[in-house]
Amino acid sequence: MRELIYRFVFGGLIVSFFAVLGDVLRPKSFAGLFGAAPSVALATLSLAIVAHGKQYAALEARSMIVGAGAFFIYACLCAWLMKKRRIHAVFATILSTGIWFAVAIGVWILILR
């Protein structure tokens, strides 16, 4: 229970910091970049170091990097489907989700496991 409270408070502080940073930066399109993912990742890694040690946090960080790379491929595929193939955003995201998981799981199986 105590760990959940720490996660809530520490995560909230980091999310708030990144939200303010995103609000201050120009152009405003950067605000979304700093809204959630980096702040939650930093909070998670910080708590992982405290609770489980540096080795465990390093494994978590590698997994986050693989997930981010898979997401990048997913986002590029979504953009290509919507722009070049003129597929509606809902269908492009649904079609691309399988690719995201396939890349993430494939890299995990081939490299991280």
PDB file of N, CA and C in Angstrom:
ATOM      1  N   MET A   1       0.829  -1.195   0.000  1.00  0.00           N
ATOM      2  CA  MET A   1       0.000   0.000   0.000  1.00  0.00           C
ATOM      3  C   MET A   1       0.875   1.261   0.000  1.00  0.00           C
ATOM      4  N   ARG A   2       1.942   1.206   0.775  1.00  0.00           N
ATOM      5  CA  ARG A   2       2.831   2.357   0.874  1.00  0.00           C
ATOM      6  C   ARG A   2       3.464   2.671  -0.486  1.00  0.00           C
ATOM      7  N   GLU A   3       3.834   1.607  -1.235  1.00  0.00           N
ATOM      8  CA  GLU A   3       4.442   1.812  -2.558  1.00  0.00           C
ATOM      9  C   GLU A   3       3.457   2.494  -3.509  1.00  0.00           C
ATOM     10  N   LEU A   4       2.181   2.158  -3.418  1.00  0.00           N
ATOM     11  CA  LEU A   4       1.180   2.808  -4.264  1.00  0.00           C
ATOM     12  C   LEU A   4       1.066   4.297  -3.964  1.00  0.00           C
ATOM     13  N   ILE A   5       1.151   4.638  -2.701  1.00  0.00           N
ATOM     14  CA  ILE A   5       1.091   6.054  -2.317  1.00  0.00           C
ATOM     15  C   ILE A   5       2.318   6.784  -2.856  1.00  0.00           C
ATOM     16  N   TYR A   6       3.496   6.174  -2.730  1.00  0.00           N
ATOM     17  CA  TYR A   6       4.705   6.788  -3.284  1.00  0.00           C
ATOM     18  C   TYR A   6       4.587   6.962  -4.792  1.00  0.00           C
ATOM     19  N   ARG A   7       4.090   5.941  -5.471  1.00  0.00           N
ATOM     20  CA  ARG A   7       3.915   6.036  -6.922  1.00  0.00           C
ATOM     21  C   ARG A   7       2.971   7.182  -7.277  1.00  0.00           C
ATOM     22  N   PHE A   8       1.884   7.292  -6.566  1.00  0.00           N
ATOM     23  CA  PHE A   8       0.906   8.337  -6.839  1.00  0.00           C
ATOM     24  C   PHE A   8       1.508   9.721  -6.635  1.00  0.00           C
ATOM     25  N   VAL A   9       2.155   9.937  -5.501  1.00  0.00           N
ATOM     26  CA  VAL A   9       2.708  11.263  -5.191  1.00  0.00           C
ATOM     27  C   VAL A   9       3.881  11.590  -6.109  1.00  0.00           C
ATOM     28  N   PHE A  10       4.841  10.685  -6.204  1.00  0.00           N
ATOM     29  CA  PHE A  10       6.031  10.936  -7.016  1.00  0.00           C
ATOM     30  C   PHE A  10       5.666  11.048  -8.494  1.00  0.00           C
ATOM     31  N   GLY A  11       4.837  10.145  -8.981  1.00  0.00           N
ATOM     32  CA  GLY A  11       4.393  10.204 -10.372  1.00  0.00           C
ATOM     33  C   GLY A  11       3.635  11.485 -10.671  1.00  0.00           C
ATOM     34  N   GLY A  12       2.781  11.900  -9.747  1.00  0.00           N
ATOM     35  CA  GLY A  12       2.029  13.142  -9.932  1.00  0.00           C
ATOM     36  C   GLY A  12       2.932  14.361  -9.999  1.00  0.00           C
ATOM     37  N   LEU A  13       3.960  14.382  -9.159  1.00  0.00           N
ATOM     38  CA  LEU A  13       4.898  15.505  -9.185  1.00  0.00           C
ATOM     39  C   LEU A  13       5.659  15.566 -10.505  1.00  0.00           C
ATOM     40  N   ILE A  14       6.114  14.417 -10.990  1.00  0.00           N
ATOM     41  CA  ILE A  14       6.866  14.407 -12.240  1.00  0.00           C
ATOM     42  C   ILE A  14       5.967  14.748 -13.424  1.00  0.00           C
ATOM     43  N   VAL A  15       4.749  14.216 -13.439  1.00  0.00           N
ATOM     44  CA  VAL A  15       3.809  14.554 -14.511  1.00  0.00           C
ATOM     45  C   VAL A  15       3.521  16.048 -14.502  1.00  0.00           C
ATOM     46  N   SER A  16       3.342  16.612 -13.320  1.00  0.00           N
ATOM     47  CA  SER A  16       3.081  18.049 -13.225  1.00  0.00           C
ATOM     48  C   SER A  16       4.265  18.863 -13.724  1.00  0.00           C
ATOM     49  N   PHE A  17       5.471  18.444 -13.382  1.00  0.00           N
ATOM     50  CA  PHE A  17       6.667  19.144 -13.858  1.00  0.00           C
ATOM     51  C   PHE A  17       6.729  19.128 -15.382  1.00  0.00           C
ATOM     52  N   PHE A  18       6.521  17.971 -15.985  1.00  0.00           N
ATOM     53  CA  PHE A  18       6.587  17.886 -17.440  1.00  0.00           C
ATOM     54  C   PHE A  18       5.435  18.629 -18.109  1.00  0.00           C
ATOM     55  N   ALA A  19       4.279  18.673 -17.469  1.00  0.00           N
ATOM     56  CA  ALA A  19       3.171  19.442 -18.026  1.00  0.00           C
ATOM     57  C   ALA A  19       3.498  20.931 -18.048  1.00  0.00           C
ATOM     58  N   VAL A  20       4.109  21.426 -16.980  1.00  0.00           N
ATOM     59  CA  VAL A  20       4.519  22.832 -16.938  1.00  0.00           C
ATOM     60  C   VAL A  20       5.606  23.084 -17.979  1.00  0.00           C
ATOM     61  N   LEU A  21       6.568  22.182 -18.094  1.00  0.00           N
ATOM     62  CA  LEU A  21       7.618  22.313 -19.094  1.00  0.00           C
ATOM     63  C   LEU A  21       7.029  22.353 -20.504  1.00  0.00           C
ATOM     64  N   GLY A  22       6.081  21.477 -20.778  1.00  0.00           N
ATOM     65  CA  GLY A  22       5.433  21.472 -22.087  1.00  0.00           C
ATOM     66  C   GLY A  22       4.637  22.734 -22.352  1.00  0.00           C
ATOM     67  N   ASP A  23       4.079  23.315 -21.302  1.00  0.00           N
ATOM     68  CA  ASP A  23       3.302  24.544 -21.463  1.00  0.00           C
ATOM     69  C   ASP A  23       4.208  25.744 -21.729  1.00  0.00           C
ATOM     70  N   VAL A  24       5.411  25.722 -21.178  1.00  0.00           N
ATOM     71  CA  VAL A  24       6.342  26.838 -21.329  1.00  0.00           C
ATOM     72  C   VAL A  24       7.028  26.813 -22.697  1.00  0.00           C
ATOM     73  N   LEU A  25       7.328  25.630 -23.210  1.00  0.00           N
ATOM     74  CA  LEU A  25       8.064  25.513 -24.468  1.00  0.00           C
ATOM     75  C   LEU A  25       7.239  25.977 -25.664  1.00  0.00           C
ATOM     76  N   ARG A  26       7.925  26.421 -26.657  1.00  0.00           N
ATOM     77  CA  ARG A  26       7.309  26.806 -27.919  1.00  0.00           C
ATOM     78  C   ARG A  26       7.875  25.934 -29.010  1.00  0.00           C
ATOM     79  N   PRO A  27       7.204  25.523 -29.998  1.00  0.00           N
ATOM     80  CA  PRO A  27       5.781  25.693 -30.237  1.00  0.00           C
ATOM     81  C   PRO A  27       4.953  24.812 -29.303  1.00  0.00           C
ATOM     82  N   LYS A  28       3.695  25.118 -29.222  1.00  0.00           N
ATOM     83  CA  LYS A  28       2.798  24.410 -28.319  1.00  0.00           C
ATOM     84  C   LYS A  28       2.638  22.939 -28.695  1.00  0.00           C
ATOM     85  N   SER A  29       3.017  22.572 -29.900  1.00  0.00           N
ATOM     86  CA  SER A  29       2.899  21.162 -30.289  1.00  0.00           C
ATOM     87  C   SER A  29       3.830  20.275 -29.468  1.00  0.00           C
ATOM     88  N   PHE A  30       4.840  20.857 -28.813  1.00  0.00           N
ATOM     89  CA  PHE A  30       5.713  20.082 -27.942  1.00  0.00           C
ATOM     90  C   PHE A  30       5.033  19.710 -26.627  1.00  0.00           C
ATOM     91  N   ALA A  31       3.962  20.388 -26.286  1.00  0.00           N
ATOM     92  CA  ALA A  31       3.315  20.144 -24.998  1.00  0.00           C
ATOM     93  C   ALA A  31       2.896  18.688 -24.845  1.00  0.00           C
ATOM     94  N   GLY A  32       2.378  18.086 -25.894  1.00  0.00           N
ATOM     95  CA  GLY A  32       1.960  16.696 -25.817  1.00  0.00           C
ATOM     96  C   GLY A  32       3.105  15.736 -25.613  1.00  0.00           C
ATOM     97  N   LEU A  33       4.276  16.089 -26.125  1.00  0.00           N
ATOM     98  CA  LEU A  33       5.438  15.220 -25.961  1.00  0.00           C
ATOM     99  C   LEU A  33       5.838  15.077 -24.500  1.00  0.00           C
ATOM    100  N   PHE A  34       5.633  16.120 -23.735  1.00  0.00           N
ATOM    101  CA  PHE A  34       6.059  16.115 -22.348  1.00  0.00           C
ATOM    102  C   PHE A  34       4.923  15.815 -21.379  1.00  0.00           C
ATOM    103  N   GLY A  35       3.742  15.531 -21.900  1.00  0.00           N
ATOM    104  CA  GLY A  35       2.576  15.371 -21.040  1.00  0.00           C
ATOM    105  C   GLY A  35       2.564  14.122 -20.187  1.00  0.00           C
ATOM    106  N   ALA A  36       2.821  12.970 -20.782  1.00  0.00           N
ATOM    107  CA  ALA A  36       2.612  11.748 -20.018  1.00  0.00           C
ATOM    108  C   ALA A  36       3.780  10.772 -20.065  1.00  0.00           C
ATOM    109  N   ALA A  37       4.102  10.266 -21.224  1.00  0.00           N
ATOM    110  CA  ALA A  37       5.028   9.139 -21.317  1.00  0.00           C
ATOM    111  C   ALA A  37       6.383   9.368 -20.657  1.00  0.00           C
ATOM    112  N   PRO A  38       7.094  10.465 -20.956  1.00  0.00           N
ATOM    113  CA  PRO A  38       8.409  10.627 -20.313  1.00  0.00           C
ATOM    114  C   PRO A  38       8.312  10.751 -18.800  1.00  0.00           C
ATOM    115  N   SER A  39       7.309  11.441 -18.326  1.00  0.00           N
ATOM    116  CA  SER A  39       7.200  11.639 -16.887  1.00  0.00           C
ATOM    117  C   SER A  39       6.823  10.348 -16.180  1.00  0.00           C
ATOM    118  N   VAL A  40       5.936   9.582 -16.752  1.00  0.00           N
ATOM    119  CA  VAL A  40       5.562   8.311 -16.142  1.00  0.00           C
ATOM    120  C   VAL A  40       6.740   7.334 -16.190  1.00  0.00           C
ATOM    121  N   ALA A  41       7.480   7.348 -17.299  1.00  0.00           N
ATOM    122  CA  ALA A  41       8.649   6.471 -17.414  1.00  0.00           C
ATOM    123  C   ALA A  41       9.688   6.821 -16.352  1.00  0.00           C
ATOM    124  N   LEU A  42       9.967   8.103 -16.173  1.00  0.00           N
ATOM    125  CA  LEU A  42      10.946   8.507 -15.153  1.00  0.00           C
ATOM    126  C   LEU A  42      10.489   8.141 -13.748  1.00  0.00           C
ATOM    127  N   ALA A  43       9.215   8.336 -13.473  1.00  0.00           N
ATOM    128  CA  ALA A  43       8.696   7.978 -12.156  1.00  0.00           C
ATOM    129  C   ALA A  43       8.794   6.467 -11.943  1.00  0.00           C
ATOM    130  N   THR A  44       8.443   5.702 -12.960  1.00  0.00           N
ATOM    131  CA  THR A  44       8.506   4.248 -12.852  1.00  0.00           C
ATOM    132  C   THR A  44       9.935   3.773 -12.638  1.00  0.00           C
ATOM    133  N   LEU A  45      10.875   4.325 -13.409  1.00  0.00           N
ATOM    134  CA  LEU A  45      12.275   3.923 -13.259  1.00  0.00           C
ATOM    135  C   LEU A  45      12.835   4.334 -11.902  1.00  0.00           C
ATOM    136  N   SER A  46      12.489   5.502 -11.438  1.00  0.00           N
ATOM    137  CA  SER A  46      12.964   5.946 -10.124  1.00  0.00           C
ATOM    138  C   SER A  46      12.465   5.032  -9.016  1.00  0.00           C
ATOM    139  N   LEU A  47      11.195   4.692  -9.074  1.00  0.00           N
ATOM    140  CA  LEU A  47      10.645   3.790  -8.062  1.00  0.00           C
ATOM    141  C   LEU A  47      11.211   2.379  -8.204  1.00  0.00           C
ATOM    142  N   ALA A  48      11.488   1.951  -9.433  1.00  0.00           N
ATOM    143  CA  ALA A  48      12.081   0.626  -9.643  1.00  0.00           C
ATOM    144  C   ALA A  48      13.478   0.561  -9.041  1.00  0.00           C
ATOM    145  N   ILE A  49      14.244   1.637  -9.164  1.00  0.00           N
ATOM    146  CA  ILE A  49      15.582   1.673  -8.568  1.00  0.00           C
ATOM    147  C   ILE A  49      15.494   1.561  -7.051  1.00  0.00           C
ATOM    148  N   VAL A  50      14.579   2.315  -6.472  1.00  0.00           N
ATOM    149  CA  VAL A  50      14.438   2.311  -5.015  1.00  0.00           C
ATOM    150  C   VAL A  50      13.946   0.953  -4.517  1.00  0.00           C
ATOM    151  N   ALA A  51      12.958   0.391  -5.205  1.00  0.00           N
ATOM    152  CA  ALA A  51      12.335  -0.838  -4.722  1.00  0.00           C
ATOM    153  C   ALA A  51      13.109  -2.107  -5.089  1.00  0.00           C
ATOM    154  N   HIS A  52      13.714  -2.133  -6.293  1.00  0.00           N
ATOM    155  CA  HIS A  52      14.284  -3.384  -6.789  1.00  0.00           C
ATOM    156  C   HIS A  52      15.754  -3.299  -7.188  1.00  0.00           C
ATOM    157  N   GLY A  53      16.325  -2.123  -7.226  1.00  0.00           N
ATOM    158  CA  GLY A  53      17.732  -1.982  -7.573  1.00  0.00           C
ATOM    159  C   GLY A  53      17.960  -1.570  -9.021  1.00  0.00           C
ATOM    160  N   LYS A  54      19.210  -1.263  -9.311  1.00  0.00           N
ATOM    161  CA  LYS A  54      19.580  -0.724 -10.625  1.00  0.00           C
ATOM    162  C   LYS A  54      19.450  -1.748 -11.748  1.00  0.00           C
ATOM    163  N   GLN A  55      19.751  -3.010 -11.474  1.00  0.00           N
ATOM    164  CA  GLN A  55      19.664  -4.038 -12.518  1.00  0.00           C
ATOM    165  C   GLN A  55      18.232  -4.184 -13.010  1.00  0.00           C
ATOM    166  N   TYR A  56      17.291  -4.219 -12.103  1.00  0.00           N
ATOM    167  CA  TYR A  56      15.884  -4.339 -12.461  1.00  0.00           C
ATOM    168  C   TYR A  56      15.432  -3.104 -13.251  1.00  0.00           C
ATOM    169  N   ALA A  57      15.849  -1.931 -12.815  1.00  0.00           N
ATOM    170  CA  ALA A  57      15.476  -0.695 -13.521  1.00  0.00           C
ATOM    171  C   ALA A  57      16.084  -0.660 -14.919  1.00  0.00           C
ATOM    172  N   ALA A  58      17.300  -1.203 -15.065  1.00  0.00           N
ATOM    173  CA  ALA A  58      17.917  -1.258 -16.395  1.00  0.00           C
ATOM    174  C   ALA A  58      17.114  -2.152 -17.331  1.00  0.00           C
ATOM    175  N   LEU A  59      16.626  -3.262 -16.821  1.00  0.00           N
ATOM    176  CA  LEU A  59      15.781  -4.151 -17.618  1.00  0.00           C
ATOM    177  C   LEU A  59      14.482  -3.451 -18.008  1.00  0.00           C
ATOM    178  N   GLU A  60      13.905  -2.735 -17.070  1.00  0.00           N
ATOM    179  CA  GLU A  60      12.690  -1.962 -17.358  1.00  0.00           C
ATOM    180  C   GLU A  60      12.952  -0.898 -18.423  1.00  0.00           C
ATOM    181  N   ALA A  61      14.092  -0.221 -18.328  1.00  0.00           N
ATOM    182  CA  ALA A  61      14.432   0.827 -19.296  1.00  0.00           C
ATOM    183  C   ALA A  61      14.612   0.243 -20.695  1.00  0.00           C
ATOM    184  N   ARG A  62      15.276  -0.910 -20.788  1.00  0.00           N
ATOM    185  CA  ARG A  62      15.421  -1.560 -22.095  1.00  0.00           C
ATOM    186  C   ARG A  62      14.070  -1.920 -22.685  1.00  0.00           C
ATOM    187  N   SER A  63      13.178  -2.402 -21.864  1.00  0.00           N
ATOM    188  CA  SER A  63      11.832  -2.747 -22.328  1.00  0.00           C
ATOM    189  C   SER A  63      11.085  -1.507 -22.800  1.00  0.00           C
ATOM    190  N   MET A  64      11.268  -0.396 -22.101  1.00  0.00           N
ATOM    191  CA  MET A  64      10.639   0.858 -22.509  1.00  0.00           C
ATOM    192  C   MET A  64      11.178   1.334 -23.855  1.00  0.00           C
ATOM    193  N   ILE A  65      12.467   1.167 -24.073  1.00  0.00           N
ATOM    194  CA  ILE A  65      13.072   1.574 -25.345  1.00  0.00           C
ATOM    195  C   ILE A  65      12.514   0.743 -26.491  1.00  0.00           C
ATOM    196  N   VAL A  66      12.391  -0.555 -26.274  1.00  0.00           N
ATOM    197  CA  VAL A  66      11.818  -1.424 -27.311  1.00  0.00           C
ATOM    198  C   VAL A  66      10.372  -1.037 -27.587  1.00  0.00           C
ATOM    199  N   GLY A  67       9.608  -0.780 -26.547  1.00  0.00           N
ATOM    200  CA  GLY A  67       8.218  -0.361 -26.727  1.00  0.00           C
ATOM    201  C   GLY A  67       8.112   0.959 -27.469  1.00  0.00           C
ATOM    202  N   ALA A  68       9.018   1.884 -27.182  1.00  0.00           N
ATOM    203  CA  ALA A  68       9.011   3.173 -27.877  1.00  0.00           C
ATOM    204  C   ALA A  68       9.373   3.006 -29.347  1.00  0.00           C
ATOM    205  N   GLY A  69      10.335   2.138 -29.638  1.00  0.00           N
ATOM    206  CA  GLY A  69      10.689   1.877 -31.034  1.00  0.00           C
ATOM    207  C   GLY A  69       9.532   1.247 -31.793  1.00  0.00           C
ATOM    208  N   ALA A  70       8.864   0.291 -31.160  1.00  0.00           N
ATOM    209  CA  ALA A  70       7.697  -0.338 -31.792  1.00  0.00           C
ATOM    210  C   ALA A  70       6.586   0.686 -32.000  1.00  0.00           C
ATOM    211  N   PHE A  71       6.420   1.591 -31.042  1.00  0.00           N
ATOM    212  CA  PHE A  71       5.411   2.631 -31.192  1.00  0.00           C
ATOM    213  C   PHE A  71       5.755   3.578 -32.340  1.00  0.00           C
ATOM    214  N   PHE A  72       7.037   3.871 -32.514  1.00  0.00           N
ATOM    215  CA  PHE A  72       7.463   4.728 -33.616  1.00  0.00           C
ATOM    216  C   PHE A  72       7.080   4.098 -34.960  1.00  0.00           C
ATOM    217  N   ILE A  73       7.326   2.810 -35.089  1.00  0.00           N
ATOM    218  CA  ILE A  73       6.945   2.113 -36.322  1.00  0.00           C
ATOM    219  C   ILE A  73       5.438   2.151 -36.501  1.00  0.00           C
ATOM    220  N   TYR A  74       4.696   1.939 -35.428  1.00  0.00           N
ATOM    221  CA  TYR A  74       3.236   2.017 -35.463  1.00  0.00           C
ATOM    222  C   TYR A  74       2.767   3.397 -35.916  1.00  0.00           C
ATOM    223  N   ALA A  75       3.349   4.444 -35.350  1.00  0.00           N
ATOM    224  CA  ALA A  75       2.949   5.810 -35.701  1.00  0.00           C
ATOM    225  C   ALA A  75       3.268   6.122 -37.156  1.00  0.00           C
ATOM    226  N   CYS A  76       4.429   5.676 -37.633  1.00  0.00           N
ATOM    227  CA  CYS A  76       4.790   5.893 -39.040  1.00  0.00           C
ATOM    228  C   CYS A  76       3.824   5.163 -39.966  1.00  0.00           C
ATOM    229  N   LEU A  77       3.468   3.944 -39.612  1.00  0.00           N
ATOM    230  CA  LEU A  77       2.523   3.178 -40.428  1.00  0.00           C
ATOM    231  C   LEU A  77       1.149   3.841 -40.431  1.00  0.00           C
ATOM    232  N   CYS A  78       0.700   4.311 -39.280  1.00  0.00           N
ATOM    233  CA  CYS A  78      -0.592   5.017 -39.214  1.00  0.00           C
ATOM    234  C   CYS A  78      -0.575   6.252 -40.114  1.00  0.00           C
ATOM    235  N   ALA A  79       0.485   7.034 -40.013  1.00  0.00           N
ATOM    236  CA  ALA A  79       0.580   8.248 -40.833  1.00  0.00           C
ATOM    237  C   ALA A  79       0.598   7.909 -42.314  1.00  0.00           C
ATOM    238  N   TRP A  80       1.340   6.872 -42.689  1.00  0.00           N
ATOM    239  CA  TRP A  80       1.405   6.461 -44.096  1.00  0.00           C
ATOM    240  C   TRP A  80       0.045   5.980 -44.596  1.00  0.00           C
ATOM    241  N   LEU A  81      -0.643   5.182 -43.796  1.00  0.00           N
ATOM    242  CA  LEU A  81      -1.962   4.687 -44.204  1.00  0.00           C
ATOM    243  C   LEU A  81      -2.955   5.831 -44.380  1.00  0.00           C
ATOM    244  N   MET A  82      -2.909   6.798 -43.483  1.00  0.00           N
ATOM    245  CA  MET A  82      -3.860   7.904 -43.568  1.00  0.00           C
ATOM    246  C   MET A  82      -3.519   8.863 -44.702  1.00  0.00           C
ATOM    247  N   LYS A  83      -2.234   9.123 -44.906  1.00  0.00           N
ATOM    248  CA  LYS A  83      -1.837  10.108 -45.914  1.00  0.00           C
ATOM    249  C   LYS A  83      -1.806   9.525 -47.319  1.00  0.00           C
ATOM    250  N   LYS A  84      -1.159   8.399 -47.488  1.00  0.00           N
ATOM    251  CA  LYS A  84      -0.979   7.836 -48.834  1.00  0.00           C
ATOM    252  C   LYS A  84      -2.156   6.978 -49.277  1.00  0.00           C
ATOM    253  N   ARG A  85      -2.718   6.220 -48.360  1.00  0.00           N
ATOM    254  CA  ARG A  85      -3.812   5.307 -48.713  1.00  0.00           C
ATOM    255  C   ARG A  85      -5.193   5.875 -48.404  1.00  0.00           C
ATOM    256  N   ARG A  86      -5.202   7.042 -47.755  1.00  0.00           N
ATOM    257  CA  ARG A  86      -6.453   7.735 -47.420  1.00  0.00           C
ATOM    258  C   ARG A  86      -7.415   6.865 -46.598  1.00  0.00           C
ATOM    259  N   ILE A  87      -6.837   6.132 -45.664  1.00  0.00           N
ATOM    260  CA  ILE A  87      -7.637   5.304 -44.770  1.00  0.00           C
ATOM    261  C   ILE A  87      -8.024   6.153 -43.564  1.00  0.00           C
ATOM    262  N   HIS A  88      -9.258   6.009 -43.106  1.00  0.00           N
ATOM    263  CA  HIS A  88      -9.747   6.752 -41.949  1.00  0.00           C
ATOM    264  C   HIS A  88      -8.883   6.429 -40.725  1.00  0.00           C
ATOM    265  N   ALA A  89      -8.723   7.396 -39.843  1.00  0.00           N
ATOM    266  CA  ALA A  89      -7.829   7.259 -38.692  1.00  0.00           C
ATOM    267  C   ALA A  89      -8.187   6.065 -37.811  1.00  0.00           C
ATOM    268  N   VAL A  90      -9.462   5.831 -37.602  1.00  0.00           N
ATOM    269  CA  VAL A  90      -9.875   4.709 -36.749  1.00  0.00           C
ATOM    270  C   VAL A  90      -9.390   3.388 -37.342  1.00  0.00           C
ATOM    271  N   PHE A  91      -9.592   3.208 -38.625  1.00  0.00           N
ATOM    272  CA  PHE A  91      -9.183   1.965 -39.265  1.00  0.00           C
ATOM    273  C   PHE A  91      -7.656   1.847 -39.350  1.00  0.00           C
ATOM    274  N   ALA A  92      -6.977   2.961 -39.587  1.00  0.00           N
ATOM    275  CA  ALA A  92      -5.512   2.928 -39.646  1.00  0.00           C
ATOM    276  C   ALA A  92      -4.922   2.521 -38.299  1.00  0.00           C
ATOM    277  N   THR A  93      -5.473   3.041 -37.223  1.00  0.00           N
ATOM    278  CA  THR A  93      -4.947   2.692 -35.901  1.00  0.00           C
ATOM    279  C   THR A  93      -5.258   1.244 -35.544  1.00  0.00           C
ATOM    280  N   ILE A  94      -6.442   0.790 -35.905  1.00  0.00           N
ATOM    281  CA  ILE A  94      -6.788  -0.611 -35.633  1.00  0.00           C
ATOM    282  C   ILE A  94      -5.899  -1.551 -36.431  1.00  0.00           C
ATOM    283  N   LEU A  95      -5.691  -1.247 -37.706  1.00  0.00           N
ATOM    284  CA  LEU A  95      -4.834  -2.090 -38.540  1.00  0.00           C
ATOM    285  C   LEU A  95      -3.388  -2.094 -38.062  1.00  0.00           C
ATOM    286  N   SER A  96      -2.921  -0.972 -37.594  1.00  0.00           N
ATOM    287  CA  SER A  96      -1.507  -0.840 -37.208  1.00  0.00           C
ATOM    288  C   SER A  96      -1.195  -1.386 -35.821  1.00  0.00           C
ATOM    289  N   THR A  97      -2.192  -1.566 -34.994  1.00  0.00           N
ATOM    290  CA  THR A  97      -1.958  -2.036 -33.630  1.00  0.00           C
ATOM    291  C   THR A  97      -1.289  -3.406 -33.619  1.00  0.00           C
ATOM    292  N   GLY A  98      -1.693  -4.270 -34.512  1.00  0.00           N
ATOM    293  CA  GLY A  98      -1.075  -5.590 -34.591  1.00  0.00           C
ATOM    294  C   GLY A  98       0.403  -5.511 -34.920  1.00  0.00           C
ATOM    295  N   ILE A  99       0.773  -4.568 -35.781  1.00  0.00           N
ATOM    296  CA  ILE A  99       2.179  -4.376 -36.128  1.00  0.00           C
ATOM    297  C   ILE A  99       2.967  -3.918 -34.901  1.00  0.00           C
ATOM    298  N   TRP A 100       2.383  -3.011 -34.139  1.00  0.00           N
ATOM    299  CA  TRP A 100       3.036  -2.517 -32.930  1.00  0.00           C
ATOM    300  C   TRP A 100       3.365  -3.684 -31.993  1.00  0.00           C
ATOM    301  N   PHE A 101       2.367  -4.523 -31.722  1.00  0.00           N
ATOM    302  CA  PHE A 101       2.588  -5.658 -30.832  1.00  0.00           C
ATOM    303  C   PHE A 101       3.559  -6.667 -31.437  1.00  0.00           C
ATOM    304  N   ALA A 102       3.452  -6.911 -32.727  1.00  0.00           N
ATOM    305  CA  ALA A 102       4.340  -7.872 -33.375  1.00  0.00           C
ATOM    306  C   ALA A 102       5.797  -7.420 -33.288  1.00  0.00           C
ATOM    307  N   VAL A 103       6.044  -6.148 -33.527  1.00  0.00           N
ATOM    308  CA  VAL A 103       7.416  -5.637 -33.444  1.00  0.00           C
ATOM    309  C   VAL A 103       7.928  -5.706 -32.006  1.00  0.00           C
ATOM    310  N   ALA A 104       7.118  -5.267 -31.060  1.00  0.00           N
ATOM    311  CA  ALA A 104       7.551  -5.266 -29.655  1.00  0.00           C
ATOM    312  C   ALA A 104       7.814  -6.688 -29.161  1.00  0.00           C
ATOM    313  N   ILE A 105       6.913  -7.600 -29.437  1.00  0.00           N
ATOM    314  CA  ILE A 105       7.083  -8.977 -28.979  1.00  0.00           C
ATOM    315  C   ILE A 105       8.224  -9.652 -29.739  1.00  0.00           C
ATOM    316  N   GLY A 106       8.336  -9.368 -31.033  1.00  0.00           N
ATOM    317  CA  GLY A 106       9.423  -9.949 -31.823  1.00  0.00           C
ATOM    318  C   GLY A 106      10.789  -9.525 -31.326  1.00  0.00           C
ATOM    319  N   VAL A 107      10.958  -8.253 -31.042  1.00  0.00           N
ATOM    320  CA  VAL A 107      12.241  -7.776 -30.516  1.00  0.00           C
ATOM    321  C   VAL A 107      12.504  -8.372 -29.144  1.00  0.00           C
ATOM    322  N   TRP A 108      11.477  -8.480 -28.339  1.00  0.00           N
ATOM    323  CA  TRP A 108      11.648  -9.085 -27.019  1.00  0.00           C
ATOM    324  C   TRP A 108      12.109 -10.533 -27.148  1.00  0.00           C
ATOM    325  N   ILE A 109      11.480 -11.289 -28.034  1.00  0.00           N
ATOM    326  CA  ILE A 109      11.845 -12.690 -28.217  1.00  0.00           C
ATOM    327  C   ILE A 109      13.259 -12.823 -28.777  1.00  0.00           C
ATOM    328  N   LEU A 110      13.599 -12.013 -29.762  1.00  0.00           N
ATOM    329  CA  LEU A 110      14.888 -12.146 -30.435  1.00  0.00           C
ATOM    330  C   LEU A 110      16.066 -11.559 -29.656  1.00  0.00           C
ATOM    331  N   ILE A 111      15.828 -10.493 -28.891  1.00  0.00           N
ATOM    332  CA  ILE A 111      16.942  -9.776 -28.267  1.00  0.00           C
ATOM    333  C   ILE A 111      16.885  -9.773 -26.732  1.00  0.00           C
ATOM    334  N   LEU A 112      15.764  -9.430 -26.173  1.00  0.00           N
ATOM    335  CA  LEU A 112      15.718  -9.181 -24.724  1.00  0.00           C
ATOM    336  C   LEU A 112      15.546 -10.428 -23.870  1.00  0.00           C
ATOM    337  N   ARG A 113      14.989 -11.461 -24.409  1.00  0.00           N
ATOM    338  CA  ARG A 113      14.712 -12.649 -23.609  1.00  0.00           C
ATOM    339  C   ARG A 113      15.955 -13.377 -23.356  1.00  0.00           C
TER     340      ARG A 113
END
